[in-house]
Amino acid sequence: MLRTRVISAIVLLAIVAIPLILGGLPFFVLVAAFGLIATYEFVILFRKGQHAPMLIVAAALTLAFIAQAQWPALLPLAPLLTAAVIASLIASLWNKSEHPASDWALTLAGALYVGWLLSNFVRLRAQDQGLYWVLLGALAIWTADATAYFSGRAYGKHPWWPRHSPKKTWEGYLTGAAAATVVTAVLGVLLLQLSPLEAAALGLLIGLAAPLGDLAESMIKREVGAKDSSNFIPGHGGFLDRLDSLLITIPIVYYWATVLPRWG
């Protein structure tokens, strides 16, 4: 199992590396592809229950949200969101499921959860030093995740949020946040010339928020009785399983990088 996980991780890194470095259109294509796969997983998860979100509509909205981040002048945000709500609601009139109204809500929620949150990757990469900001966020998240996992297994005794994830502990959560704080403090100073205090504060925020993204996806999976979002990535589950923490934390990094300087 560990060998499979390592091989899958290496393959994923190889796929991501070049588009991430190049930015622009190659990175948009990568994010759009991941977004469409994750949206498919979201829809299929709920179809295992009593719902039938509209896959084509959710996928189209996801792609539109990510495209808006790449070409904001061509796709103004307010008209896009208005069209998304109206078009998805009208499309629901042809939905022959038993719960068309709740299926419409899930369709829109899936596109917002995956497409809108993931679009912040494209926005962040497009910033000055965007490559470093993305790397900073990703490394902080993965550090928090790995540290929480191993420290939780070794020392964890106090359940953190047993309703949604019985194996997570306070010990793992707090040590993961501490590790993310240290990593971000170092990388923020070296790569982005942030002050040590600002970098550490961002790292702490990432470390505290990242597990909530994982917890949110666990809530969805537990509701429909699924262990993983799919089996697309051997040893890792699905794309949504790999993106869950990033969906919550990359927007934080993006707004930290773009809004905070205006307040300074």
Protein backbone atom coordinates (compact mmCIF):
# COMPACT_ATOMS: atom_id res chain seq x y z
CA MET A 1 0.00 0.00 0.00
CA LEU A 2 2.77 2.47 0.92
CA ARG A 3 4.62 1.66 -2.31
CA THR A 4 1.46 2.29 -4.32
CA ARG A 5 0.86 5.59 -2.55
CA VAL A 6 4.43 6.74 -3.21
CA ILE A 7 4.31 5.81 -6.90
CA SER A 8 0.96 7.57 -7.33
CA ALA A 9 2.29 10.67 -5.58
CA ILE A 10 5.36 10.78 -7.85
CA VAL A 11 3.20 10.45 -10.97
CA LEU A 12 0.87 13.22 -9.76
CA LEU A 13 3.80 15.53 -9.01
CA ALA A 14 5.20 14.90 -12.48
CA ILE A 15 1.84 15.77 -14.06
CA VAL A 16 1.46 18.94 -11.99
CA ALA A 17 5.03 20.25 -12.09
CA ILE A 18 5.38 21.60 -15.64
CA PRO A 19 1.97 23.35 -15.86
CA LEU A 20 2.55 24.85 -12.41
CA ILE A 21 5.94 26.22 -13.44
CA LEU A 22 4.68 27.53 -16.78
CA GLY A 23 1.50 29.10 -15.40
CA GLY A 24 -0.94 30.70 -17.82
CA LEU A 25 -2.93 28.46 -20.16
CA PRO A 26 -1.14 25.18 -19.24
CA PHE A 27 -1.97 25.73 -15.57
CA PHE A 28 -5.57 26.62 -16.41
CA VAL A 29 -5.93 23.37 -18.37
CA LEU A 30 -4.52 21.39 -15.43
CA VAL A 31 -6.82 23.04 -12.88
CA ALA A 32 -9.83 22.68 -15.19
CA ALA A 33 -9.12 18.97 -15.69
CA PHE A 34 -8.78 18.37 -11.96
CA GLY A 35 -11.92 20.41 -11.35
CA LEU A 36 -14.01 18.42 -13.81
CA ILE A 37 -12.86 15.11 -12.35
CA ALA A 38 -13.53 16.29 -8.79
CA THR A 39 -16.98 17.55 -9.81
CA TYR A 40 -17.75 14.17 -11.34
CA GLU A 41 -16.72 12.53 -8.05
CA PHE A 42 -18.92 14.92 -6.06
CA VAL A 43 -21.96 14.12 -8.19
CA ILE A 44 -21.35 10.36 -8.11
CA LEU A 45 -20.97 10.46 -4.32
CA PHE A 46 -24.43 11.93 -3.87
CA ARG A 47 -25.92 9.60 -6.46
CA LYS A 48 -24.99 6.78 -4.10
CA GLY A 49 -27.55 8.24 -1.73
CA GLN A 50 -31.05 9.47 -2.49
CA HIS A 51 -30.06 12.36 -4.74
CA ALA A 52 -29.30 12.91 -8.41
CA PRO A 53 -27.30 16.12 -8.99
CA MET A 54 -27.04 17.06 -12.66
CA LEU A 55 -23.55 16.11 -13.82
CA ILE A 56 -23.45 18.03 -17.09
CA VAL A 57 -24.75 21.23 -15.47
CA ALA A 58 -22.36 20.95 -12.50
CA ALA A 59 -19.40 20.27 -14.81
CA ALA A 60 -20.30 23.20 -17.08
CA LEU A 61 -20.55 25.56 -14.11
CA THR A 62 -17.26 24.30 -12.67
CA LEU A 63 -15.52 24.94 -15.98
CA ALA A 64 -17.12 28.38 -16.23
CA PHE A 65 -15.95 29.40 -12.75
CA ILE A 66 -12.37 28.30 -13.47
CA ALA A 67 -12.44 29.98 -16.89
CA GLN A 68 -13.63 33.21 -15.26
CA ALA A 69 -10.47 33.23 -13.17
CA GLN A 70 -8.35 32.83 -16.30
CA TRP A 71 -10.24 35.39 -18.43
CA PRO A 72 -11.99 37.77 -15.99
CA ALA A 73 -12.51 40.48 -18.63
CA LEU A 74 -14.38 38.08 -20.93
CA LEU A 75 -16.46 36.52 -18.15
CA PRO A 76 -17.49 39.17 -15.58
CA LEU A 77 -18.25 37.57 -12.24
CA ALA A 78 -21.70 39.01 -11.43
CA PRO A 79 -23.35 37.99 -14.74
CA LEU A 80 -21.70 34.57 -14.52
CA LEU A 81 -23.05 33.87 -11.03
CA THR A 82 -26.49 35.14 -12.03
CA ALA A 83 -26.52 32.92 -15.10
CA ALA A 84 -25.30 29.94 -13.07
CA VAL A 85 -28.19 30.18 -10.61
CA ILE A 86 -30.86 30.77 -13.25
CA ALA A 87 -29.59 28.21 -15.79
CA SER A 88 -29.16 25.46 -13.20
CA LEU A 89 -32.63 26.14 -11.77
CA ILE A 90 -34.26 26.01 -15.20
CA ALA A 91 -32.36 22.82 -16.06
CA SER A 92 -33.80 21.25 -12.91
CA LEU A 93 -37.28 21.46 -14.44
CA TRP A 94 -36.28 18.55 -16.68
CA ASN A 95 -34.82 16.55 -13.78
CA LYS A 96 -37.00 13.45 -13.36
CA SER A 97 -35.63 12.47 -9.95
CA GLU A 98 -37.77 12.35 -6.82
CA HIS A 99 -36.07 15.41 -5.32
CA PRO A 100 -35.45 17.91 -8.14
CA ALA A 101 -35.23 20.94 -5.83
CA SER A 102 -32.60 19.45 -3.51
CA ASP A 103 -30.80 18.01 -6.54
CA TRP A 104 -30.63 21.53 -7.99
CA ALA A 105 -29.15 22.80 -4.71
CA LEU A 106 -26.56 20.01 -4.74
CA THR A 107 -25.71 20.70 -8.38
CA LEU A 108 -25.03 24.35 -7.62
CA ALA A 109 -23.26 23.51 -4.36
CA GLY A 110 -20.96 21.05 -6.13
CA ALA A 111 -19.97 23.61 -8.74
CA LEU A 112 -19.32 26.25 -6.08
CA TYR A 113 -17.48 23.86 -3.76
CA VAL A 114 -15.20 22.50 -6.47
CA GLY A 115 -15.22 25.02 -9.31
CA TRP A 116 -15.40 28.33 -7.46
CA LEU A 117 -12.96 27.39 -4.71
CA LEU A 118 -10.56 25.75 -7.17
CA SER A 119 -10.61 28.85 -9.38
CA ASN A 120 -8.57 30.58 -6.69
CA PHE A 121 -5.63 28.41 -7.76
CA VAL A 122 -5.68 30.13 -11.15
CA ARG A 123 -6.02 33.57 -9.58
CA LEU A 124 -3.20 32.93 -7.13
CA ARG A 125 -0.83 31.59 -9.80
CA ALA A 126 -1.48 34.69 -11.92
CA GLN A 127 -0.18 37.02 -9.18
CA ASP A 128 3.33 38.41 -8.99
CA GLN A 129 5.40 35.61 -7.47
CA GLY A 130 2.32 33.43 -7.90
CA LEU A 131 4.39 30.28 -8.28
CA TYR A 132 5.94 30.86 -4.85
CA TRP A 133 2.56 31.58 -3.27
CA VAL A 134 1.11 28.33 -4.62
CA LEU A 135 4.14 26.35 -3.47
CA LEU A 136 3.99 27.99 -0.05
CA GLY A 137 0.33 27.08 0.40
CA ALA A 138 0.67 23.54 -0.91
CA LEU A 139 3.77 22.71 1.15
CA ALA A 140 2.21 24.14 4.31
CA ILE A 141 -0.93 22.05 3.79
CA TRP A 142 0.95 18.84 3.10
CA THR A 143 3.24 19.46 6.08
CA ALA A 144 0.23 19.94 8.35
CA ASP A 145 -1.44 16.82 6.97
CA ALA A 146 1.61 14.57 7.28
CA THR A 147 2.54 15.84 10.74
CA ALA A 148 -1.03 15.47 12.01
CA TYR A 149 -1.22 11.92 10.66
CA PHE A 150 2.00 10.64 12.19
CA SER A 151 1.80 12.53 15.48
CA GLY A 152 -1.85 11.57 15.84
CA ARG A 153 -1.01 7.90 15.38
CA ALA A 154 1.91 8.10 17.79
CA TYR A 155 0.53 10.33 20.54
CA GLY A 156 -3.13 11.00 19.80
CA LYS A 157 -5.50 10.31 22.70
CA HIS A 158 -8.16 13.01 22.58
CA PRO A 159 -10.67 12.87 19.69
CA TRP A 160 -10.94 16.11 17.78
CA TRP A 161 -14.21 15.80 15.81
CA PRO A 162 -15.46 12.21 16.20
CA ARG A 163 -18.79 12.86 14.49
CA HIS A 164 -17.14 13.32 11.10
CA SER A 165 -13.68 11.78 11.53
CA PRO A 166 -13.27 9.49 14.56
CA LYS A 167 -9.53 8.93 14.03
CA LYS A 168 -8.49 12.59 14.12
CA THR A 169 -7.14 13.83 17.46
CA TRP A 170 -6.40 17.16 19.08
CA GLU A 171 -2.76 16.14 19.35
CA GLY A 172 -2.53 15.60 15.60
CA TYR A 173 -4.48 18.75 14.79
CA LEU A 174 -2.35 21.05 16.93
CA THR A 175 1.03 19.55 15.99
CA GLY A 176 0.04 19.78 12.33
CA ALA A 177 -0.82 23.46 12.75
CA ALA A 178 2.49 24.07 14.53
CA ALA A 179 4.44 22.35 11.74
CA ALA A 180 2.63 24.40 9.09
CA THR A 181 3.46 27.56 11.02
CA VAL A 182 7.18 26.75 11.06
CA VAL A 183 7.34 25.75 7.39
CA THR A 184 5.42 28.82 6.24
CA ALA A 185 7.50 31.12 8.43
CA VAL A 186 10.69 29.85 6.79
CA LEU A 187 9.41 29.73 3.21
CA GLY A 188 7.55 33.02 3.51
CA VAL A 189 10.73 34.84 4.48
CA LEU A 190 12.96 33.07 1.96
CA LEU A 191 10.66 33.01 -1.08
CA LEU A 192 8.35 35.98 -0.63
CA GLN A 193 10.27 38.32 1.67
CA LEU A 194 7.41 38.35 4.18
CA SER A 195 8.14 39.40 7.72
CA PRO A 196 8.64 36.43 10.07
CA LEU A 197 5.52 37.42 12.03
CA GLU A 198 3.31 37.70 8.93
CA ALA A 199 4.59 34.42 7.51
CA ALA A 200 4.07 32.62 10.82
CA ALA A 201 0.54 34.03 11.15
CA LEU A 202 -0.33 32.82 7.65
CA GLY A 203 1.15 29.41 8.43
CA LEU A 204 -0.89 29.09 11.60
CA LEU A 205 -4.06 30.02 9.72
CA ILE A 206 -3.29 27.43 7.02
CA GLY A 207 -2.50 24.78 9.62
CA LEU A 208 -5.75 25.37 11.48
CA ALA A 209 -7.91 25.58 8.34
CA ALA A 210 -6.52 22.71 6.25
CA PRO A 211 -7.93 19.88 8.40
CA LEU A 212 -11.36 21.52 8.20
CA GLY A 213 -11.32 20.97 4.45
CA ASP A 214 -10.60 17.30 4.98
CA LEU A 215 -13.31 17.18 7.63
CA ALA A 216 -15.86 18.77 5.30
CA GLU A 217 -15.26 16.13 2.66
CA SER A 218 -15.41 13.41 5.32
CA MET A 219 -18.84 14.76 6.29
CA ILE A 220 -20.01 14.33 2.70
CA LYS A 221 -18.58 10.82 2.38
CA ARG A 222 -20.02 9.65 5.69
CA GLU A 223 -23.46 10.91 4.71
CA VAL A 224 -23.46 8.74 1.58
CA GLY A 225 -21.55 5.83 3.13
CA ALA A 226 -18.38 6.14 1.02
CA LYS A 227 -14.78 5.67 2.14
CA ASP A 228 -13.19 7.56 -0.77
CA SER A 229 -14.51 9.92 -3.42
CA SER A 230 -13.36 7.44 -6.09
CA ASN A 231 -10.49 5.07 -6.84
CA PHE A 232 -8.93 7.14 -9.61
CA ILE A 233 -5.61 7.56 -7.75
CA PRO A 234 -4.27 4.19 -6.52
CA GLY A 235 -3.54 4.33 -2.81
CA HIS A 236 -5.00 7.82 -2.43
CA GLY A 237 -8.66 7.49 -3.37
CA GLY A 238 -9.99 10.20 -5.65
CA PHE A 239 -9.05 13.68 -6.78
CA LEU A 240 -11.51 15.21 -4.33
CA ASP A 241 -9.72 13.35 -1.54
CA ARG A 242 -6.46 15.03 -2.58
CA LEU A 243 -7.98 18.47 -3.11
CA ASP A 244 -10.20 18.76 -0.04
CA SER A 245 -7.76 20.69 2.16
CA LEU A 246 -6.51 22.77 -0.77
CA LEU A 247 -10.05 23.88 -1.61
CA ILE A 248 -10.34 25.52 1.81
CA THR A 249 -6.85 26.91 2.23
CA ILE A 250 -5.75 28.15 -1.20
CA PRO A 251 -8.49 30.84 -1.14
CA ILE A 252 -7.08 31.95 2.22
CA VAL A 253 -3.60 32.23 0.70
CA TYR A 254 -4.97 34.07 -2.34
CA TYR A 255 -6.79 36.71 -0.31
CA TRP A 256 -3.84 37.00 2.06
CA ALA A 257 -1.58 37.71 -0.92
CA THR A 258 -3.94 40.17 -2.62
CA VAL A 259 -6.05 41.88 0.05
CA LEU A 260 -3.66 42.16 3.00
CA PRO A 261 -1.09 44.34 1.14
CA ARG A 262 -3.84 46.92 0.53
CA TRP A 263 -4.35 47.23 4.26
CA GLY A 264 -0.65 47.65 4.96
